Structures are given as structure tokens and as C-alpha cells.
Amino acid sequence: MLVNDAVVDTLPVFVDPEQDRVIVDGTPVRRQRLDYFMVHKPKGVVCTNRDPAGRVRAVDLLPDLPARLFPVGRLDEESTGLLLMTNDGELAQRITHPRYGVPKTYYAEVRGRVPDDLAATMKGGVFLAEGRARASGVEIEHRSSNRSSLLITLREGRNRQVRRMLAKLGHPVRKLKRVQIGPLTLRGLPVGSSRRLTPQELAALRAAVEAAGAREAARSLRGSRGSKPPGTKRAGANKGGPQDRGKSAAKRRQPATQTRRLIT
């Protein structure tokens, strides 16, 4: 390998892709262009880039591209809706990581009439195998004796979370569609189609990721400031009325043997 015409035979080596020239086996290594697409995923399409069963993949809905793109998060085969595809690993990680809490909104149709307290229950948390899962927002759009429709917003990224939460509450999902990721929606994009994000959409998505990360950092900071070391007494805890002071005086008059027993 050559870096700026100098032979390099020991790895790792750090290079600046904007400035350095890298040649491997006589072929120049060029920086891969970062690309961003949204896909309106139909039912029956899988989000894996390799499928031995030969099913249609989300990547098959993209035009021919020089770069290989990957789904940002997953939609199961039965689910439809908005899917982001990119080769920008850093942005993809931030969109999917719970630390950043980028909101993702789903339209769900479920069996049965959901109760009035369903939204509060889902926001309070539903216990799944890996722990408590929460929705950050729930709107009941329609209710009837055999069917209800909901808009559910998540800031977590658990596998099949919407389906599992609703099934646990006794309302199996009949239809599930992701309609929004951060500021991005499916507006104007037909089912089975894809298109590249506009510069404005990409800027808005990056801003949403940064804003979500800043909110999470602020919450963490408030939590650390509000916590107290174990054993710390609340201000004014020893203050009280005459009755409380009388109890304290009585404790001080107790024999030393009893005081030692209380301490141990």
C-alpha cells in the first residue's frame, strides 16, 4: 500500500481522505460518496441485503448506485412504510440508538376496541422479555367493537416493539405502517418507490438528531445534579416542633449501651 507515494506495510495507518492519496494493489482508493434514500416499503419486502430465500429486498427498490446502501433500522416483512437507506454509518447509528431518541411514528390497526387508558399504559411501560418498553406518544384515532387504529411514537429501538407491546396488552396488530422518522414523512412517495433525500431534508434530519442528543444530555445532567449520595440528609430533616425536639432529647438521655446497640 502507498500513502502519498510512501510504502506502508504496517497497519493501522491514519489518513485524511480529503488530503492523502492512498493506492492499494495499484488501484487508487477513493472516498466513498455518502448517499441517502427514503423507500416506501411494501408488504412482503425484507430489509436484509442478503436473502437466501430470494424474496424482494428493500435494496432492490433503489436505482443502480455505485455505493451499497443499508437500511437504517428494520421493518419486518409484514410491515410497510418509511425506510431510510444509507451508507453513512455514523448517522444511521444516531438515528437508531436510544440515547438520541429520534422519534419514529407508526400507524397501527389492531383487533378489538382499545380501552381509554391504553395511551397511559403504553407510555408508562409494558414489560417485554428484555425489560420495560415505553411509547413516547399514543393517539387513538378510531375505535369500534372489532377494530381500533392508533398513531404510536417511539424513541426506543427494540425489535418489533409496537407489535409486541400491543400483543401483550391483548390487541394483536392487523396492520402496521411507519409514517415518519424525525422530520421525514412519506408524503408524495408511492408504495414501492424510492428517492434520494433533498439537501433540505438531510439538513433537517441531522438537526433533529442533534436536538434529540442534546435533550438526552440535558436530561442526564439534570438527573446527576438531582441525585444525592446514599446517607445524605435532606436539609431541615433535624428540624421540627417541640414534640420532635422532645423525642430527640429523650434519645440523648438513653443509656450508652442502648445507643451502641442502635448504632450496630
Protein backbone atom coordinates (compact mmCIF):
# COMPACT_ATOMS: atom_id res chain seq x y z
CA MET A 1 0.00 0.00 0.00
CA LEU A 2 1.15 3.50 -0.84
CA VAL A 3 0.16 6.58 1.14
CA ASN A 4 1.29 9.78 -0.58
CA ASP A 5 3.80 7.67 -2.60
CA ALA A 6 5.34 6.23 0.58
CA VAL A 7 5.22 2.46 1.13
CA VAL A 8 3.21 1.43 4.19
CA ASP A 9 3.41 -2.22 5.26
CA THR A 10 2.19 -1.93 8.88
CA LEU A 11 -1.38 -1.36 9.94
CA PRO A 12 -3.19 0.57 11.25
CA VAL A 13 -2.34 3.77 9.43
CA PHE A 14 -4.30 7.01 9.72
CA VAL A 15 -5.06 9.06 6.64
CA ASP A 16 -7.02 12.18 5.79
CA PRO A 17 -9.42 11.18 2.99
CA GLU A 18 -9.61 14.82 1.87
CA GLN A 19 -5.84 15.26 1.51
CA ASP A 20 -3.96 11.94 1.34
CA ARG A 21 -3.52 9.72 -1.73
CA VAL A 22 -3.93 6.01 -0.99
CA ILE A 23 -3.12 3.25 -3.51
CA VAL A 24 -3.74 -0.47 -2.81
CA ASP A 25 -2.52 -3.10 -5.28
CA GLY A 26 -2.04 -0.39 -7.88
CA THR A 27 -5.63 0.91 -7.56
CA PRO A 28 -6.34 4.35 -6.07
CA VAL A 29 -8.70 4.24 -3.11
CA ARG A 30 -11.31 6.94 -3.43
CA ARG A 31 -13.53 8.18 -0.67
CA GLN A 32 -16.99 6.67 -0.96
CA ARG A 33 -19.74 9.15 -1.61
CA LEU A 34 -22.32 9.20 1.16
CA ASP A 35 -25.85 8.71 -0.12
CA TYR A 36 -29.28 8.91 1.50
CA PHE A 37 -32.55 7.46 0.19
CA MET A 38 -36.05 7.00 1.51
CA VAL A 39 -38.10 3.97 0.46
CA HIS A 40 -41.84 3.37 0.75
CA LYS A 41 -41.61 -0.29 1.68
CA PRO A 42 -44.49 -2.57 0.60
CA LYS A 43 -45.65 -5.64 2.47
CA GLY A 44 -43.57 -8.74 1.72
CA VAL A 45 -40.28 -6.88 1.17
CA VAL A 46 -37.44 -7.77 3.54
CA CYS A 47 -34.85 -5.38 4.98
CA THR A 48 -31.84 -7.68 4.72
CA ASN A 49 -29.29 -7.13 1.95
CA ARG A 50 -28.83 -10.89 1.57
CA ASP A 51 -31.80 -13.24 1.42
CA PRO A 52 -31.22 -16.92 0.52
CA ALA A 53 -34.99 -17.34 0.03
CA GLY A 54 -34.88 -14.95 -2.91
CA ARG A 55 -37.53 -12.55 -1.62
CA VAL A 56 -37.65 -8.94 -2.78
CA ARG A 57 -35.31 -6.80 -0.67
CA ALA A 58 -35.57 -3.13 0.18
CA VAL A 59 -32.29 -2.55 -1.65
CA ASP A 60 -33.96 -3.91 -4.82
CA LEU A 61 -36.27 -0.87 -4.77
CA LEU A 62 -33.31 1.52 -5.19
CA PRO A 63 -31.88 2.62 -8.54
CA ASP A 64 -28.49 1.29 -9.62
CA LEU A 65 -25.93 3.04 -7.40
CA PRO A 66 -22.12 2.88 -7.16
CA ALA A 67 -22.36 2.65 -3.36
CA ARG A 68 -24.00 -0.14 -1.39
CA LEU A 69 -26.70 1.20 0.94
CA PHE A 70 -28.10 -0.41 4.07
CA PRO A 71 -31.42 0.02 5.93
CA VAL A 72 -31.47 2.33 8.95
CA GLY A 73 -33.31 0.13 11.42
CA ARG A 74 -35.70 -2.56 10.27
CA LEU A 75 -39.30 -3.11 9.29
CA ASP A 76 -40.45 -6.73 9.43
CA GLU A 77 -41.73 -8.41 6.29
CA GLU A 78 -45.39 -7.80 7.14
CA SER A 79 -44.91 -4.10 7.97
CA THR A 80 -44.91 -1.25 5.48
CA GLY A 81 -43.89 2.38 5.33
CA LEU A 82 -40.91 4.68 5.60
CA LEU A 83 -37.45 3.15 5.46
CA LEU A 84 -34.19 5.07 5.26
CA MET A 85 -31.26 3.62 3.30
CA THR A 86 -27.72 4.98 3.52
CA ASN A 87 -24.02 4.16 3.69
CA ASP A 88 -23.48 6.81 6.38
CA GLY A 89 -22.85 4.55 9.36
CA GLU A 90 -22.48 7.38 11.88
CA LEU A 91 -25.83 8.98 11.04
CA ALA A 92 -27.55 5.58 10.92
CA GLN A 93 -26.25 4.72 14.39
CA ARG A 94 -27.50 8.00 15.81
CA ILE A 95 -30.96 7.59 14.29
CA THR A 96 -31.39 4.08 15.73
CA HIS A 97 -29.63 4.45 19.11
CA PRO A 98 -32.00 5.03 22.09
CA ARG A 99 -29.53 7.56 23.50
CA TYR A 100 -30.52 10.05 20.81
CA GLY A 101 -34.21 9.23 20.94
CA VAL A 102 -35.09 10.23 17.38
CA PRO A 103 -38.90 9.84 17.20
CA LYS A 104 -40.44 7.30 14.83
CA THR A 105 -44.21 7.28 14.32
CA TYR A 106 -46.30 4.26 13.31
CA TYR A 107 -49.90 3.85 12.20
CA ALA A 108 -51.31 0.63 13.68
CA GLU A 109 -54.62 -1.14 13.21
CA VAL A 110 -55.36 -3.64 15.98
CA ARG A 111 -58.04 -6.15 16.85
CA GLY A 112 -60.70 -5.16 19.31
CA ARG A 113 -61.75 -1.95 20.98
CA VAL A 114 -58.84 -0.47 22.92
CA PRO A 115 -59.55 0.89 26.42
CA ASP A 116 -59.48 4.56 27.37
CA ASP A 117 -56.27 4.12 29.36
CA LEU A 118 -54.30 2.44 26.57
CA ALA A 119 -52.19 5.55 25.88
CA ALA A 120 -51.27 5.95 29.56
CA THR A 121 -50.44 2.25 29.82
CA MET A 122 -48.14 2.27 26.78
CA LYS A 123 -46.40 5.46 27.89
CA GLY A 124 -46.00 4.09 31.41
CA GLY A 125 -44.37 0.96 30.05
CA VAL A 126 -45.13 -2.63 29.07
CA PHE A 127 -42.86 -5.43 30.26
CA LEU A 128 -41.26 -7.44 27.46
CA ALA A 129 -38.66 -10.20 27.70
CA GLU A 130 -35.76 -7.70 27.75
CA GLY A 131 -37.40 -5.23 30.14
CA ARG A 132 -39.88 -2.38 30.20
CA ALA A 133 -40.71 -0.85 26.81
CA ARG A 134 -42.37 2.55 26.53
CA ALA A 135 -44.08 4.62 23.87
CA SER A 136 -43.45 8.35 23.97
CA GLY A 137 -46.79 9.20 22.37
CA VAL A 138 -50.07 7.41 21.61
CA GLU A 139 -53.14 8.79 19.84
CA ILE A 140 -56.34 6.78 19.43
CA GLU A 141 -57.72 7.69 16.01
CA HIS A 142 -60.63 5.24 15.79
CA ARG A 143 -62.36 2.67 17.97
CA SER A 144 -65.07 0.13 17.21
CA SER A 145 -66.08 -3.22 18.63
CA ASN A 146 -63.71 -5.21 16.41
CA ARG A 147 -61.05 -2.73 15.26
CA SER A 148 -59.08 0.27 16.54
CA SER A 149 -56.48 2.47 14.85
CA LEU A 150 -53.62 4.25 16.61
CA LEU A 151 -50.69 6.58 15.99
CA ILE A 152 -47.76 5.45 18.14
CA THR A 153 -44.46 7.31 18.53
CA LEU A 154 -41.34 5.55 19.82
CA ARG A 155 -37.95 6.88 20.87
CA GLU A 156 -36.59 3.39 21.56
CA GLY A 157 -35.44 0.80 19.06
CA ARG A 158 -36.49 -2.62 20.30
CA ASN A 159 -37.18 -5.41 17.82
CA ARG A 160 -40.85 -5.47 16.71
CA GLN A 161 -41.66 -3.21 19.67
CA VAL A 162 -45.07 -1.93 18.58
CA ARG A 163 -46.35 -5.40 17.71
CA ARG A 164 -45.06 -6.94 20.93
CA MET A 165 -46.38 -4.19 23.21
CA LEU A 166 -49.88 -4.30 21.70
CA ALA A 167 -49.98 -8.11 21.70
CA LYS A 168 -49.03 -8.08 25.39
CA LEU A 169 -51.98 -5.76 26.03
CA GLY A 170 -54.38 -8.09 24.21
CA HIS A 171 -54.65 -6.19 20.91
CA PRO A 172 -52.71 -8.01 18.16
CA VAL A 173 -51.66 -5.81 15.25
CA ARG A 174 -53.51 -6.33 11.96
CA LYS A 175 -51.65 -3.64 10.01
CA LEU A 176 -48.51 -1.65 10.82
CA LYS A 177 -47.02 1.22 8.83
CA ARG A 178 -44.17 3.55 9.75
CA VAL A 179 -45.22 7.01 8.63
CA GLN A 180 -42.48 9.29 9.99
CA ILE A 181 -38.84 9.31 11.13
CA GLY A 182 -37.84 12.59 12.75
CA PRO A 183 -38.96 15.31 10.30
CA LEU A 184 -39.26 12.91 7.33
CA THR A 185 -42.61 11.63 6.06
CA LEU A 186 -43.87 9.53 3.14
CA ARG A 187 -45.76 12.43 1.60
CA GLY A 188 -45.73 12.16 -2.20
CA LEU A 189 -43.82 8.86 -2.32
CA PRO A 190 -45.84 5.95 -3.84
CA VAL A 191 -45.71 2.45 -2.39
CA GLY A 192 -42.69 0.55 -3.73
CA SER A 193 -40.88 3.74 -4.80
CA SER A 194 -37.68 5.35 -3.57
CA ARG A 195 -35.97 8.70 -3.93
CA ARG A 196 -32.86 10.48 -2.72
CA LEU A 197 -33.26 12.85 0.23
CA THR A 198 -33.14 16.51 -0.72
CA PRO A 199 -30.40 18.66 0.87
CA GLN A 200 -33.12 20.36 2.96
CA GLU A 201 -34.45 17.02 4.22
CA LEU A 202 -30.96 15.79 5.08
CA ALA A 203 -30.19 19.01 6.95
CA ALA A 204 -33.48 18.75 8.87
CA LEU A 205 -32.76 15.10 9.74
CA ARG A 206 -29.27 15.94 11.03
CA ALA A 207 -30.70 18.83 13.07
CA ALA A 208 -33.31 16.52 14.59
CA VAL A 209 -30.63 14.00 15.55
CA GLU A 210 -28.51 16.70 17.18
CA ALA A 211 -31.51 18.18 19.01
CA ALA A 212 -32.54 14.76 20.31
CA GLY A 213 -28.99 14.11 21.52
CA ALA A 214 -28.87 17.49 23.25
CA ARG A 215 -32.17 16.82 25.04
CA GLU A 216 -30.93 13.45 26.26
CA ALA A 217 -27.66 15.01 27.51
CA ALA A 218 -29.62 17.70 29.34
CA ARG A 219 -31.87 15.10 30.98
CA SER A 220 -28.84 13.09 32.09
CA LEU A 221 -27.22 16.21 33.54
CA ARG A 222 -30.37 17.14 35.46
CA GLY A 223 -30.58 13.60 36.78
CA SER A 224 -26.97 13.64 38.03
CA ARG A 225 -27.48 17.02 39.74
CA GLY A 226 -30.71 15.90 41.37
CA SER A 227 -29.26 12.69 42.82
CA LYS A 228 -27.66 12.63 46.26
CA PRO A 229 -25.08 10.23 47.67
CA PRO A 230 -26.51 7.49 49.91
CA GLY A 231 -26.93 8.66 53.50
CA THR A 232 -27.22 12.36 52.59
CA LYS A 233 -29.77 14.06 54.84
CA ARG A 234 -32.40 16.36 53.48
CA ALA A 235 -31.99 19.98 54.52
CA GLY A 236 -34.10 20.68 57.59
CA ALA A 237 -34.55 16.98 58.38
CA ASN A 238 -33.49 17.51 62.03
CA LYS A 239 -35.78 20.46 62.50
CA GLY A 240 -39.24 20.10 63.98
CA GLY A 241 -41.73 21.22 66.56
CA PRO A 242 -41.44 20.90 70.34
CA GLN A 243 -42.67 17.30 70.20
CA ASP A 244 -39.87 16.33 67.76
CA ARG A 245 -37.25 18.11 69.88
CA GLY A 246 -38.54 16.33 72.93
CA LYS A 247 -38.09 12.96 71.20
CA SER A 248 -34.53 13.91 70.30
CA ALA A 249 -33.75 14.89 73.87
CA ALA A 250 -35.18 11.60 75.14
CA LYS A 251 -32.91 9.70 72.76
CA ARG A 252 -29.87 11.59 74.08
CA ARG A 253 -30.78 10.59 77.67
CA GLN A 254 -30.87 6.87 76.83
CA PRO A 255 -28.18 4.66 78.37
CA ALA A 256 -24.95 4.26 76.42
CA THR A 257 -25.50 0.52 76.00
CA GLN A 258 -28.77 1.12 74.20
CA THR A 259 -27.14 3.78 71.98
CA ARG A 260 -24.39 1.36 70.98
CA ARG A 261 -26.99 -1.26 70.06
CA LEU A 262 -28.79 1.20 67.82
CA ILE A 263 -25.57 2.07 66.00
CA THR A 264 -24.55 -1.53 65.42
